Amino acid sequence: MIARFATFAVAALLLAGCTTPTTRIDIRNDRGPAVAALDYRDIKEAVSELAQSLFRTGRLNRADGKLNVLTVGNVENDTMQHLDTDILTNYLVEEMVNSGQVLVSSAISHGASQRDEMIGAVRSVRGDPEFNQSTVAAQGQLVDANLSLKGKIVQRELRMDGGDKQVEYYFSMMLTDTHTGLRLWQKQHLIGKRTDARTPTW
């Protein structure tokens, strides 16, 4: 019994000695090796390329000097990974807002994560005598969106000569004028990786 316990203890110590210690990532100067799946570096690169492409077009400039109002549409994840596309969308929307040319509607969007349910909640108290009605949001105050952002992330895997594989990630985004239905901007950014055929991409 004692011998069995001693063997178990030694095995546990050996396993503990083989584990990688937890360290923080320096996201401004990450020298860690590339991974086959999408990581934060890939997302940031894609957002940078997409945002620069959009700003170069000048399509966010309005002749009337007013700010655009953006609604966030569907961004589809067509990859093998459990990727929340809000990660990509939020970064890109942040860049658009920081440009000083765009405001974002929290009243209209494709997904619930981009909507604020309290907009409806504060309007549900109209006529409630418990609330001072002069403080309640009046009808006709919500602002409609004139721009819609949507997109898709696609993953392709190709078998290479020699047995390795090539993984391709396509980030496609488009911006549409919701009043005219005309597409104002579209950009596709490709990130490619080569790795061992056995390396998982999820």
N, C-alpha and C. Protein backbone atom coordinates (compact mmCIF):
# COMPACT_ATOMS: atom_id res chain seq x y z
N MET A 1 0.84 -1.20 0.00
CA MET A 1 0.00 0.00 0.00
C MET A 1 0.88 1.26 0.00
N ILE A 2 1.92 1.23 0.88
CA ILE A 2 2.81 2.37 0.96
C ILE A 2 3.59 2.53 -0.33
N ALA A 3 4.02 1.37 -0.88
CA ALA A 3 4.78 1.40 -2.14
C ALA A 3 3.93 1.96 -3.27
N ARG A 4 2.65 1.56 -3.30
CA ARG A 4 1.75 2.05 -4.35
C ARG A 4 1.55 3.56 -4.22
N PHE A 5 1.39 4.06 -2.99
CA PHE A 5 1.23 5.50 -2.76
C PHE A 5 2.48 6.26 -3.18
N ALA A 6 3.65 5.68 -2.85
CA ALA A 6 4.91 6.33 -3.21
C ALA A 6 5.06 6.42 -4.72
N THR A 7 4.67 5.35 -5.42
CA THR A 7 4.73 5.36 -6.90
C THR A 7 3.82 6.43 -7.47
N PHE A 8 2.61 6.54 -6.91
CA PHE A 8 1.65 7.55 -7.36
C PHE A 8 2.19 8.96 -7.12
N ALA A 9 2.81 9.18 -5.98
CA ALA A 9 3.34 10.50 -5.64
C ALA A 9 4.46 10.89 -6.57
N VAL A 10 5.34 9.94 -6.87
CA VAL A 10 6.44 10.21 -7.79
C VAL A 10 5.92 10.55 -9.18
N ALA A 11 4.91 9.78 -9.64
CA ALA A 11 4.32 10.03 -10.96
C ALA A 11 3.68 11.41 -11.02
N ALA A 12 3.01 11.81 -9.95
CA ALA A 12 2.37 13.14 -9.90
C ALA A 12 3.40 14.24 -9.96
N LEU A 13 4.52 14.03 -9.24
CA LEU A 13 5.58 15.05 -9.26
C LEU A 13 6.22 15.16 -10.64
N LEU A 14 6.40 14.02 -11.31
CA LEU A 14 6.97 14.03 -12.66
C LEU A 14 6.06 14.76 -13.64
N LEU A 15 4.75 14.49 -13.52
CA LEU A 15 3.79 15.17 -14.40
C LEU A 15 3.77 16.67 -14.13
N ALA A 16 3.82 17.04 -12.85
CA ALA A 16 3.80 18.46 -12.49
C ALA A 16 5.04 19.15 -13.02
N GLY A 17 6.16 18.45 -13.01
CA GLY A 17 7.39 19.04 -13.49
C GLY A 17 7.41 19.25 -15.00
N CYS A 18 6.54 18.56 -15.73
CA CYS A 18 6.49 18.66 -17.19
C CYS A 18 5.52 19.73 -17.69
N THR A 19 4.73 20.29 -16.81
CA THR A 19 3.74 21.27 -17.25
C THR A 19 4.39 22.62 -17.56
N THR A 20 3.79 23.34 -18.50
CA THR A 20 4.28 24.67 -18.87
C THR A 20 3.72 25.70 -17.90
N PRO A 21 4.57 26.51 -17.29
CA PRO A 21 4.06 27.53 -16.35
C PRO A 21 3.24 28.58 -17.10
N THR A 22 2.25 29.12 -16.44
CA THR A 22 1.41 30.16 -17.03
C THR A 22 2.16 31.49 -17.06
N THR A 23 2.17 32.13 -18.22
CA THR A 23 2.81 33.43 -18.37
C THR A 23 1.85 34.37 -19.10
N ARG A 24 2.04 35.65 -18.92
CA ARG A 24 1.23 36.63 -19.63
C ARG A 24 1.81 36.88 -21.01
N ILE A 25 0.92 37.17 -21.97
CA ILE A 25 1.34 37.47 -23.33
C ILE A 25 1.55 38.96 -23.47
N ASP A 26 2.69 39.37 -24.01
CA ASP A 26 2.92 40.77 -24.34
C ASP A 26 2.31 41.01 -25.71
N ILE A 27 1.06 41.48 -25.74
CA ILE A 27 0.35 41.59 -27.01
C ILE A 27 0.92 42.66 -27.92
N ARG A 28 1.80 43.52 -27.40
CA ARG A 28 2.44 44.53 -28.23
C ARG A 28 3.73 44.02 -28.88
N ASN A 29 4.26 42.92 -28.33
CA ASN A 29 5.50 42.37 -28.87
C ASN A 29 5.53 40.86 -28.59
N ASP A 30 4.57 40.17 -29.19
CA ASP A 30 4.41 38.74 -28.96
C ASP A 30 5.36 37.95 -29.86
N ARG A 31 6.34 37.30 -29.25
CA ARG A 31 7.30 36.51 -30.00
C ARG A 31 6.96 35.02 -29.97
N GLY A 32 5.76 34.72 -29.52
CA GLY A 32 5.34 33.32 -29.48
C GLY A 32 5.18 32.75 -30.87
N PRO A 33 5.33 31.43 -31.03
CA PRO A 33 5.21 30.81 -32.36
C PRO A 33 3.80 30.94 -32.90
N ALA A 34 3.69 30.88 -34.22
CA ALA A 34 2.38 30.93 -34.87
C ALA A 34 1.59 29.67 -34.55
N VAL A 35 0.29 29.78 -34.58
CA VAL A 35 -0.60 28.63 -34.38
C VAL A 35 -1.42 28.42 -35.63
N ALA A 36 -1.86 27.17 -35.85
CA ALA A 36 -2.62 26.87 -37.06
C ALA A 36 -4.01 27.48 -37.03
N ALA A 37 -4.59 27.56 -35.85
CA ALA A 37 -5.92 28.17 -35.71
C ALA A 37 -5.79 29.69 -35.73
N LEU A 38 -6.91 30.37 -35.75
CA LEU A 38 -6.90 31.83 -35.69
C LEU A 38 -6.61 32.27 -34.26
N ASP A 39 -5.68 33.20 -34.09
CA ASP A 39 -5.45 33.76 -32.77
C ASP A 39 -5.64 35.27 -32.83
N TYR A 40 -5.39 35.94 -31.70
CA TYR A 40 -5.67 37.36 -31.63
C TYR A 40 -4.82 38.16 -32.61
N ARG A 41 -3.62 37.67 -32.94
CA ARG A 41 -2.77 38.37 -33.90
C ARG A 41 -3.40 38.39 -35.28
N ASP A 42 -4.03 37.28 -35.65
CA ASP A 42 -4.70 37.22 -36.95
C ASP A 42 -5.90 38.16 -37.00
N ILE A 43 -6.65 38.19 -35.92
CA ILE A 43 -7.83 39.07 -35.86
C ILE A 43 -7.40 40.53 -35.97
N LYS A 44 -6.36 40.90 -35.22
CA LYS A 44 -5.90 42.29 -35.25
C LYS A 44 -5.37 42.66 -36.64
N GLU A 45 -4.65 41.73 -37.28
CA GLU A 45 -4.14 42.01 -38.62
C GLU A 45 -5.29 42.21 -39.60
N ALA A 46 -6.29 41.33 -39.53
CA ALA A 46 -7.43 41.44 -40.44
C ALA A 46 -8.18 42.76 -40.23
N VAL A 47 -8.40 43.13 -38.97
CA VAL A 47 -9.11 44.38 -38.67
C VAL A 47 -8.33 45.57 -39.21
N SER A 48 -7.02 45.58 -39.01
CA SER A 48 -6.20 46.69 -39.50
C SER A 48 -6.31 46.84 -41.01
N GLU A 49 -6.21 45.73 -41.73
CA GLU A 49 -6.30 45.78 -43.20
C GLU A 49 -7.69 46.21 -43.65
N LEU A 50 -8.72 45.69 -43.01
CA LEU A 50 -10.09 46.03 -43.38
C LEU A 50 -10.38 47.51 -43.12
N ALA A 51 -9.98 47.99 -41.94
CA ALA A 51 -10.24 49.38 -41.57
C ALA A 51 -9.51 50.34 -42.50
N GLN A 52 -8.24 50.06 -42.78
CA GLN A 52 -7.48 50.94 -43.66
C GLN A 52 -8.09 50.98 -45.05
N SER A 53 -8.55 49.83 -45.53
CA SER A 53 -9.19 49.79 -46.85
C SER A 53 -10.45 50.65 -46.87
N LEU A 54 -11.26 50.55 -45.82
CA LEU A 54 -12.49 51.33 -45.74
C LEU A 54 -12.19 52.82 -45.70
N PHE A 55 -11.26 53.23 -44.86
CA PHE A 55 -10.98 54.66 -44.71
C PHE A 55 -10.38 55.25 -45.99
N ARG A 56 -9.62 54.44 -46.72
CA ARG A 56 -9.03 54.94 -47.97
C ARG A 56 -10.08 55.28 -49.02
N THR A 57 -11.23 54.61 -48.97
CA THR A 57 -12.26 54.88 -49.97
C THR A 57 -12.92 56.24 -49.78
N GLY A 58 -12.91 56.76 -48.56
CA GLY A 58 -13.57 58.03 -48.29
C GLY A 58 -15.08 57.92 -48.27
N ARG A 59 -15.61 56.69 -48.29
CA ARG A 59 -17.07 56.51 -48.36
C ARG A 59 -17.79 56.86 -47.06
N LEU A 60 -17.06 57.08 -45.99
CA LEU A 60 -17.70 57.49 -44.74
C LEU A 60 -17.92 58.99 -44.68
N ASN A 61 -17.36 59.72 -45.63
CA ASN A 61 -17.54 61.18 -45.66
C ASN A 61 -18.92 61.51 -46.21
N ARG A 62 -19.63 62.37 -45.51
CA ARG A 62 -20.97 62.79 -45.95
C ARG A 62 -20.93 64.26 -46.37
N ALA A 63 -21.58 64.55 -47.48
CA ALA A 63 -21.60 65.92 -47.99
C ALA A 63 -22.33 66.87 -47.05
N ASP A 64 -23.31 66.32 -46.29
CA ASP A 64 -24.08 67.18 -45.37
C ASP A 64 -23.37 67.39 -44.04
N GLY A 65 -22.20 66.77 -43.85
CA GLY A 65 -21.45 66.95 -42.62
C GLY A 65 -21.95 66.16 -41.43
N LYS A 66 -23.04 65.40 -41.61
CA LYS A 66 -23.60 64.63 -40.50
C LYS A 66 -22.82 63.33 -40.31
N LEU A 67 -22.99 62.73 -39.14
CA LEU A 67 -22.36 61.45 -38.85
C LEU A 67 -23.22 60.31 -39.40
N ASN A 68 -22.57 59.26 -39.88
CA ASN A 68 -23.27 58.06 -40.29
C ASN A 68 -23.76 57.31 -39.05
N VAL A 69 -24.86 56.59 -39.22
CA VAL A 69 -25.36 55.72 -38.16
C VAL A 69 -25.29 54.29 -38.68
N LEU A 70 -24.56 53.46 -37.96
CA LEU A 70 -24.26 52.10 -38.40
C LEU A 70 -25.09 51.07 -37.64
N THR A 71 -25.61 50.10 -38.37
CA THR A 71 -26.18 48.91 -37.75
C THR A 71 -25.29 47.73 -38.10
N VAL A 72 -25.10 46.83 -37.15
CA VAL A 72 -24.22 45.69 -37.35
C VAL A 72 -25.04 44.48 -37.78
N GLY A 73 -24.79 44.02 -38.99
CA GLY A 73 -25.50 42.86 -39.52
C GLY A 73 -24.82 41.56 -39.13
N ASN A 74 -25.14 40.50 -39.85
CA ASN A 74 -24.61 39.19 -39.54
C ASN A 74 -23.18 39.04 -40.06
N VAL A 75 -22.30 38.53 -39.21
CA VAL A 75 -20.95 38.14 -39.62
C VAL A 75 -20.85 36.63 -39.39
N GLU A 76 -20.86 35.88 -40.48
CA GLU A 76 -20.95 34.43 -40.40
C GLU A 76 -19.59 33.78 -40.16
N ASN A 77 -19.57 32.79 -39.29
CA ASN A 77 -18.36 32.02 -39.02
C ASN A 77 -18.44 30.70 -39.78
N ASP A 78 -17.75 30.62 -40.92
CA ASP A 78 -17.72 29.39 -41.71
C ASP A 78 -16.33 28.76 -41.58
N THR A 79 -15.89 28.58 -40.33
CA THR A 79 -14.61 27.94 -40.04
C THR A 79 -14.87 26.72 -39.16
N MET A 80 -13.81 25.97 -38.88
CA MET A 80 -13.92 24.80 -38.01
C MET A 80 -13.78 25.17 -36.54
N GLN A 81 -13.69 26.45 -36.25
CA GLN A 81 -13.41 26.91 -34.90
C GLN A 81 -14.66 27.52 -34.26
N HIS A 82 -14.71 27.43 -32.95
CA HIS A 82 -15.79 28.06 -32.20
C HIS A 82 -15.40 29.53 -31.97
N LEU A 83 -15.49 30.30 -33.04
CA LEU A 83 -15.07 31.70 -33.00
C LEU A 83 -16.29 32.60 -32.89
N ASP A 84 -16.32 33.41 -31.86
CA ASP A 84 -17.38 34.41 -31.72
C ASP A 84 -17.01 35.59 -32.62
N THR A 85 -17.78 35.80 -33.67
CA THR A 85 -17.43 36.83 -34.65
C THR A 85 -17.55 38.24 -34.08
N ASP A 86 -18.15 38.39 -32.90
CA ASP A 86 -18.18 39.70 -32.25
C ASP A 86 -16.77 40.20 -31.97
N ILE A 87 -15.82 39.26 -31.81
CA ILE A 87 -14.43 39.67 -31.56
C ILE A 87 -13.92 40.50 -32.72
N LEU A 88 -14.16 40.01 -33.93
CA LEU A 88 -13.76 40.75 -35.13
C LEU A 88 -14.59 42.01 -35.31
N THR A 89 -15.90 41.86 -35.22
CA THR A 89 -16.81 42.98 -35.47
C THR A 89 -16.56 44.13 -34.51
N ASN A 90 -16.40 43.82 -33.24
CA ASN A 90 -16.22 44.88 -32.25
C ASN A 90 -14.95 45.68 -32.48
N TYR A 91 -13.88 45.01 -32.86
CA TYR A 91 -12.65 45.73 -33.17
C TYR A 91 -12.85 46.66 -34.37
N LEU A 92 -13.51 46.14 -35.41
CA LEU A 92 -13.70 46.95 -36.62
C LEU A 92 -14.64 48.12 -36.36
N VAL A 93 -15.71 47.89 -35.64
CA VAL A 93 -16.64 48.97 -35.30
C VAL A 93 -15.95 50.02 -34.44
N GLU A 94 -15.09 49.57 -33.54
CA GLU A 94 -14.33 50.51 -32.71
C GLU A 94 -13.49 51.44 -33.58
N GLU A 95 -12.84 50.88 -34.59
CA GLU A 95 -12.04 51.70 -35.51
C GLU A 95 -12.92 52.71 -36.24
N MET A 96 -14.10 52.28 -36.66
CA MET A 96 -15.01 53.17 -37.38
C MET A 96 -15.49 54.30 -36.49
N VAL A 97 -15.83 53.98 -35.24
CA VAL A 97 -16.29 55.01 -34.31
C VAL A 97 -15.16 55.99 -34.00
N ASN A 98 -13.96 55.46 -33.81
CA ASN A 98 -12.81 56.32 -33.49
C ASN A 98 -12.42 57.23 -34.65
N SER A 99 -12.90 56.93 -35.85
CA SER A 99 -12.63 57.81 -36.99
C SER A 99 -13.39 59.13 -36.88
N GLY A 100 -14.40 59.17 -36.00
CA GLY A 100 -15.20 60.38 -35.83
C GLY A 100 -16.26 60.56 -36.89
N GLN A 101 -16.50 59.53 -37.70
CA GLN A 101 -17.46 59.64 -38.80
C GLN A 101 -18.69 58.75 -38.61
N VAL A 102 -18.69 57.94 -37.56
CA VAL A 102 -19.72 56.92 -37.41
C VAL A 102 -20.22 56.86 -35.97
N LEU A 103 -21.53 56.76 -35.83
CA LEU A 103 -22.17 56.38 -34.58
C LEU A 103 -22.83 55.02 -34.81
N VAL A 104 -23.03 54.26 -33.74
CA VAL A 104 -23.57 52.90 -33.87
C VAL A 104 -24.94 52.81 -33.22
N SER A 105 -25.88 52.22 -33.92
CA SER A 105 -27.21 52.01 -33.36
C SER A 105 -27.21 50.80 -32.44
N SER A 106 -27.66 51.00 -31.22
CA SER A 106 -27.86 49.89 -30.29
C SER A 106 -29.31 49.44 -30.28
N ALA A 107 -30.12 50.06 -31.15
CA ALA A 107 -31.54 49.71 -31.23
C ALA A 107 -31.81 48.71 -32.33
N ILE A 108 -30.98 48.73 -33.40
CA ILE A 108 -31.17 47.85 -34.54
C ILE A 108 -29.88 47.10 -34.83
N SER A 109 -29.94 45.78 -34.85
CA SER A 109 -28.79 44.97 -35.26
C SER A 109 -29.27 43.56 -35.52
N HIS A 110 -28.43 42.79 -36.19
CA HIS A 110 -28.79 41.40 -36.48
C HIS A 110 -28.76 40.55 -35.22
N GLY A 111 -27.73 40.71 -34.40
CA GLY A 111 -27.58 39.88 -33.21
C GLY A 111 -27.92 40.61 -31.93
N ALA A 112 -28.37 39.84 -30.95
CA ALA A 112 -28.77 40.42 -29.67
C ALA A 112 -27.59 41.06 -28.95
N SER A 113 -26.38 40.55 -29.19
CA SER A 113 -25.22 41.08 -28.48
C SER A 113 -24.90 42.52 -28.87
N GLN A 114 -25.40 42.95 -30.04
CA GLN A 114 -25.15 44.31 -30.51
C GLN A 114 -26.33 45.25 -30.19
N ARG A 115 -27.36 44.72 -29.56
CA ARG A 115 -28.51 45.53 -29.19
C ARG A 115 -28.54 45.75 -27.68
N ASP A 116 -29.13 46.87 -27.27
CA ASP A 116 -29.31 47.17 -25.85
C ASP A 116 -30.80 47.06 -25.54
N GLU A 117 -31.17 46.00 -24.81
CA GLU A 117 -32.58 45.76 -24.52
C GLU A 117 -33.19 46.83 -23.64
N MET A 118 -32.37 47.64 -22.99
CA MET A 118 -32.90 48.69 -22.12
C MET A 118 -33.53 49.82 -22.93
N ILE A 119 -33.21 49.91 -24.21
CA ILE A 119 -33.84 50.94 -25.05
C ILE A 119 -35.34 50.71 -25.08
N GLY A 120 -35.74 49.45 -25.21
CA GLY A 120 -37.17 49.13 -25.17
C GLY A 120 -37.73 49.19 -23.77
N ALA A 121 -36.90 48.81 -22.79
CA ALA A 121 -37.38 48.78 -21.41
C ALA A 121 -37.76 50.16 -20.91
N VAL A 122 -36.95 51.18 -21.25
CA VAL A 122 -37.27 52.52 -20.75
C VAL A 122 -38.51 53.09 -21.43
N ARG A 123 -38.87 52.55 -22.58
CA ARG A 123 -40.08 53.00 -23.28
C ARG A 123 -41.33 52.25 -22.83
N SER A 124 -41.12 51.15 -22.12
CA SER A 124 -42.27 50.36 -21.67
C SER A 124 -43.01 51.02 -20.51
N VAL A 125 -42.43 52.07 -19.93
CA VAL A 125 -43.07 52.72 -18.78
C VAL A 125 -43.91 53.93 -19.21
N ARG A 126 -44.08 54.12 -20.52
CA ARG A 126 -44.96 55.21 -20.96
C ARG A 126 -46.36 54.99 -20.41
N GLY A 127 -46.91 55.99 -19.79
CA GLY A 127 -48.25 55.90 -19.24
C GLY A 127 -48.30 55.31 -17.84
N ASP A 128 -47.16 54.84 -17.33
CA ASP A 128 -47.12 54.28 -15.97
C ASP A 128 -47.09 55.44 -14.98
N PRO A 129 -48.12 55.54 -14.10
CA PRO A 129 -48.18 56.67 -13.17
C PRO A 129 -47.05 56.68 -12.15
N GLU A 130 -46.35 55.58 -12.01
CA GLU A 130 -45.23 55.55 -11.07
C GLU A 130 -44.01 56.30 -11.60
N PHE A 131 -44.02 56.63 -12.88
CA PHE A 131 -42.89 57.32 -13.49
C PHE A 131 -43.28 58.73 -13.90
N ASN A 132 -42.38 59.67 -13.66
CA ASN A 132 -42.56 61.03 -14.13
C ASN A 132 -42.49 61.00 -15.65
N GLN A 133 -43.62 61.23 -16.31
CA GLN A 133 -43.69 61.05 -17.76
C GLN A 133 -42.86 62.08 -18.52
N SER A 134 -42.49 63.17 -17.88
CA SER A 134 -41.65 64.15 -18.57
C SER A 134 -40.22 63.64 -18.72
N THR A 135 -39.89 62.57 -17.96
CA THR A 135 -38.54 62.00 -18.05
C THR A 135 -38.49 60.77 -18.95
N VAL A 136 -39.65 60.34 -19.44
CA VAL A 136 -39.72 59.13 -20.26
C VAL A 136 -39.43 59.49 -21.72
N ALA A 137 -38.69 58.62 -22.40
CA ALA A 137 -38.35 58.85 -23.81
C ALA A 137 -39.61 58.99 -24.64
N ALA A 138 -39.67 60.07 -25.42
CA ALA A 138 -40.84 60.33 -26.26
C ALA A 138 -40.78 59.49 -27.52
N GLN A 139 -41.92 59.38 -28.18
CA GLN A 139 -41.94 58.67 -29.46
C GLN A 139 -41.17 59.48 -30.51
N GLY A 140 -40.63 58.76 -31.47
CA GLY A 140 -39.94 59.41 -32.57
C GLY A 140 -38.53 59.86 -32.27
N GLN A 141 -37.94 59.34 -31.20
CA GLN A 141 -36.60 59.76 -30.82
C GLN A 141 -35.49 58.85 -31.38
N LEU A 142 -35.83 57.60 -31.68
CA LEU A 142 -34.82 56.67 -32.19
C LEU A 142 -34.37 57.09 -33.59
N VAL A 143 -33.08 56.90 -33.84
CA VAL A 143 -32.49 57.29 -35.13
C VAL A 143 -32.22 56.03 -35.95
N ASP A 144 -32.71 56.03 -37.17
CA ASP A 144 -32.51 54.88 -38.06
C ASP A 144 -31.07 54.87 -38.57
N ALA A 145 -30.61 53.69 -38.98
CA ALA A 145 -29.24 53.54 -39.50
C ALA A 145 -29.23 53.76 -41.01
N ASN A 146 -28.17 54.41 -41.49
CA ASN A 146 -28.01 54.58 -42.93
C ASN A 146 -26.91 53.67 -43.50
N LEU A 147 -26.19 52.97 -42.59
CA LEU A 147 -25.15 52.05 -43.03
C LEU A 147 -25.34 50.70 -42.33
N SER A 148 -25.01 49.62 -43.06
CA SER A 148 -25.06 48.28 -42.49
C SER A 148 -23.75 47.56 -42.79
N LEU A 149 -23.20 46.92 -41.75
CA LEU A 149 -21.94 46.18 -41.88
C LEU A 149 -22.23 44.69 -41.72
N LYS A 150 -21.76 43.88 -42.67
CA LYS A 150 -21.92 42.44 -42.54
C LYS A 150 -20.71 41.76 -43.15
N GLY A 151 -20.58 40.45 -42.92
CA GLY A 151 -19.42 39.76 -43.47
C GLY A 151 -19.42 38.29 -43.19
N LYS A 152 -18.24 37.67 -43.44
CA LYS A 152 -18.10 36.23 -43.32
C LYS A 152 -16.63 35.88 -43.16
N ILE A 153 -16.34 34.85 -42.36
CA ILE A 153 -15.00 34.30 -42.23
C ILE A 153 -15.05 32.86 -42.74
N VAL A 154 -14.21 32.56 -43.71
CA VAL A 154 -14.20 31.24 -44.35
C VAL A 154 -12.85 30.58 -44.11
N GLN A 155 -12.87 29.28 -43.85
CA GLN A 155 -11.64 28.49 -43.69
C GLN A 155 -11.58 27.42 -44.76
N ARG A 156 -10.42 27.31 -45.42
CA ARG A 156 -10.16 26.24 -46.38
C ARG A 156 -8.88 25.52 -45.98
N GLU A 157 -8.88 24.19 -46.11
CA GLU A 157 -7.69 23.40 -45.83
C GLU A 157 -7.31 22.59 -47.05
N LEU A 158 -6.04 22.68 -47.47
CA LEU A 158 -5.55 22.02 -48.67
C LEU A 158 -4.40 21.09 -48.29
N ARG A 159 -4.40 19.89 -48.86
CA ARG A 159 -3.30 18.97 -48.66
C ARG A 159 -2.16 19.31 -49.60
N MET A 160 -0.96 19.47 -49.05
CA MET A 160 0.20 19.83 -49.84
C MET A 160 1.01 18.59 -50.21
N ASP A 161 1.87 18.73 -51.21
CA ASP A 161 2.80 17.67 -51.54
C ASP A 161 3.70 17.42 -50.33
N GLY A 162 3.87 16.16 -49.98
CA GLY A 162 4.68 15.84 -48.81
C GLY A 162 3.84 15.55 -47.58
N GLY A 163 2.51 15.81 -47.66
CA GLY A 163 1.62 15.45 -46.56
C GLY A 163 1.24 16.56 -45.62
N ASP A 164 1.93 17.71 -45.66
CA ASP A 164 1.54 18.83 -44.81
C ASP A 164 0.25 19.45 -45.33
N LYS A 165 -0.26 20.44 -44.62
CA LYS A 165 -1.49 21.09 -45.08
C LYS A 165 -1.35 22.59 -45.07
N GLN A 166 -2.12 23.21 -45.92
CA GLN A 166 -2.19 24.67 -46.00
C GLN A 166 -3.58 25.09 -45.54
N VAL A 167 -3.61 26.04 -44.63
CA VAL A 167 -4.87 26.54 -44.08
C VAL A 167 -5.05 27.98 -44.53
N GLU A 168 -6.20 28.27 -45.12
CA GLU A 168 -6.48 29.62 -45.62
C GLU A 168 -7.70 30.18 -44.89
N TYR A 169 -7.57 31.40 -44.41
CA TYR A 169 -8.67 32.09 -43.74
C TYR A 169 -9.00 33.35 -44.52
N TYR A 170 -10.24 33.46 -44.94
CA TYR A 170 -10.70 34.61 -45.71
C TYR A 170 -11.64 35.45 -44.84
N PHE A 171 -11.26 36.70 -44.63
CA PHE A 171 -12.09 37.64 -43.88
C PHE A 171 -12.75 38.58 -44.90
N SER A 172 -14.05 38.46 -45.07
CA SER A 172 -14.78 39.28 -46.04
C SER A 172 -15.78 40.18 -45.32
N MET A 173 -15.71 41.48 -45.60
CA MET A 173 -16.65 42.42 -44.99
C MET A 173 -17.20 43.35 -46.07
N MET A 174 -18.42 43.82 -45.86
CA MET A 174 -19.03 44.76 -46.80
C MET A 174 -19.86 45.80 -46.04
N LEU A 175 -19.93 46.98 -46.62
CA LEU A 175 -20.69 48.09 -46.04
C LEU A 175 -21.73 48.53 -47.06
N THR A 176 -22.99 48.60 -46.64
CA THR A 176 -24.10 48.91 -47.55
C THR A 176 -24.86 50.13 -47.07
N ASP A 177 -25.27 50.98 -48.02
CA ASP A 177 -26.16 52.10 -47.74
C ASP A 177 -27.57 51.52 -47.61
N THR A 178 -28.14 51.56 -46.41
CA THR A 178 -29.44 50.93 -46.19
C THR A 178 -30.58 51.67 -46.88
N HIS A 179 -30.37 52.94 -47.24
CA HIS A 179 -31.44 53.71 -47.89
C HIS A 179 -31.52 53.41 -49.38
N THR A 180 -30.36 53.20 -50.00
CA THR A 180 -30.34 52.95 -51.44
C THR A 180 -30.11 51.49 -51.78
N GLY A 181 -29.61 50.72 -50.82
CA GLY A 181 -29.28 49.32 -51.08
C GLY A 181 -27.97 49.14 -51.81
N LEU A 182 -27.22 50.21 -52.03
CA LEU A 182 -25.97 50.14 -52.77
C LEU A 182 -24.82 49.77 -51.84
N ARG A 183 -23.97 48.88 -52.32
CA ARG A 183 -22.79 48.48 -51.56
C ARG A 183 -21.71 49.54 -51.73
N LEU A 184 -21.31 50.14 -50.62
CA LEU A 184 -20.34 51.24 -50.68
C LEU A 184 -18.90 50.77 -50.61
N TRP A 185 -18.70 49.61 -49.96
CA TRP A 185 -17.32 49.13 -49.77
C TRP A 185 -17.34 47.64 -49.53
N GLN A 186 -16.30 46.99 -50.03
CA GLN A 186 -16.13 45.55 -49.80
C GLN A 186 -14.64 45.24 -49.80
N LYS A 187 -14.23 44.36 -48.88
CA LYS A 187 -12.83 44.00 -48.79
C LYS A 187 -12.71 42.55 -48.30
N GLN A 188 -11.79 41.81 -48.92
CA GLN A 188 -11.48 40.46 -48.46
C GLN A 188 -10.00 40.39 -48.12
N HIS A 189 -9.72 39.91 -46.93
CA HIS A 189 -8.33 39.79 -46.47
C HIS A 189 -8.02 38.33 -46.21
N LEU A 190 -6.90 37.86 -46.76
CA LEU A 190 -6.50 36.46 -46.64
C LEU A 190 -5.34 36.30 -45.67
N ILE A 191 -5.46 35.33 -44.77
CA ILE A 191 -4.36 34.90 -43.91
C ILE A 191 -4.11 33.43 -44.20
N GLY A 192 -2.88 33.08 -44.59
CA GLY A 192 -2.56 31.70 -44.92
C GLY A 192 -1.51 31.13 -43.99
N LYS A 193 -1.62 29.83 -43.69
CA LYS A 193 -0.68 29.16 -42.80
C LYS A 193 -0.39 27.77 -43.36
N ARG A 194 0.84 27.29 -43.13
CA ARG A 194 1.23 25.93 -43.49
C ARG A 194 1.70 25.22 -42.24
N THR A 195 1.25 23.98 -42.08
CA THR A 195 1.55 23.25 -40.86
C THR A 195 1.49 21.76 -41.11
N ASP A 196 1.84 20.98 -40.10
CA ASP A 196 1.76 19.53 -40.18
C ASP A 196 0.30 19.09 -40.35
N ALA A 197 0.11 18.02 -41.11
CA ALA A 197 -1.25 17.57 -41.40
C ALA A 197 -2.01 17.18 -40.14
N ARG A 198 -1.29 16.82 -39.08
CA ARG A 198 -1.95 16.39 -37.84
C ARG A 198 -2.28 17.54 -36.91
N THR A 199 -1.82 18.73 -37.22
CA THR A 199 -2.06 19.88 -36.35
C THR A 199 -3.53 20.30 -36.42
N PRO A 200 -4.23 20.34 -35.29
CA PRO A 200 -5.65 20.74 -35.32
C PRO A 200 -5.79 22.25 -35.57
N THR A 201 -6.89 22.61 -36.15
CA THR A 201 -7.18 24.03 -36.41
C THR A 201 -8.43 24.48 -35.69
N TRP A 202 -8.71 23.88 -34.56
CA TRP A 202 -9.85 24.32 -33.77
C TRP A 202 -9.46 24.44 -32.31
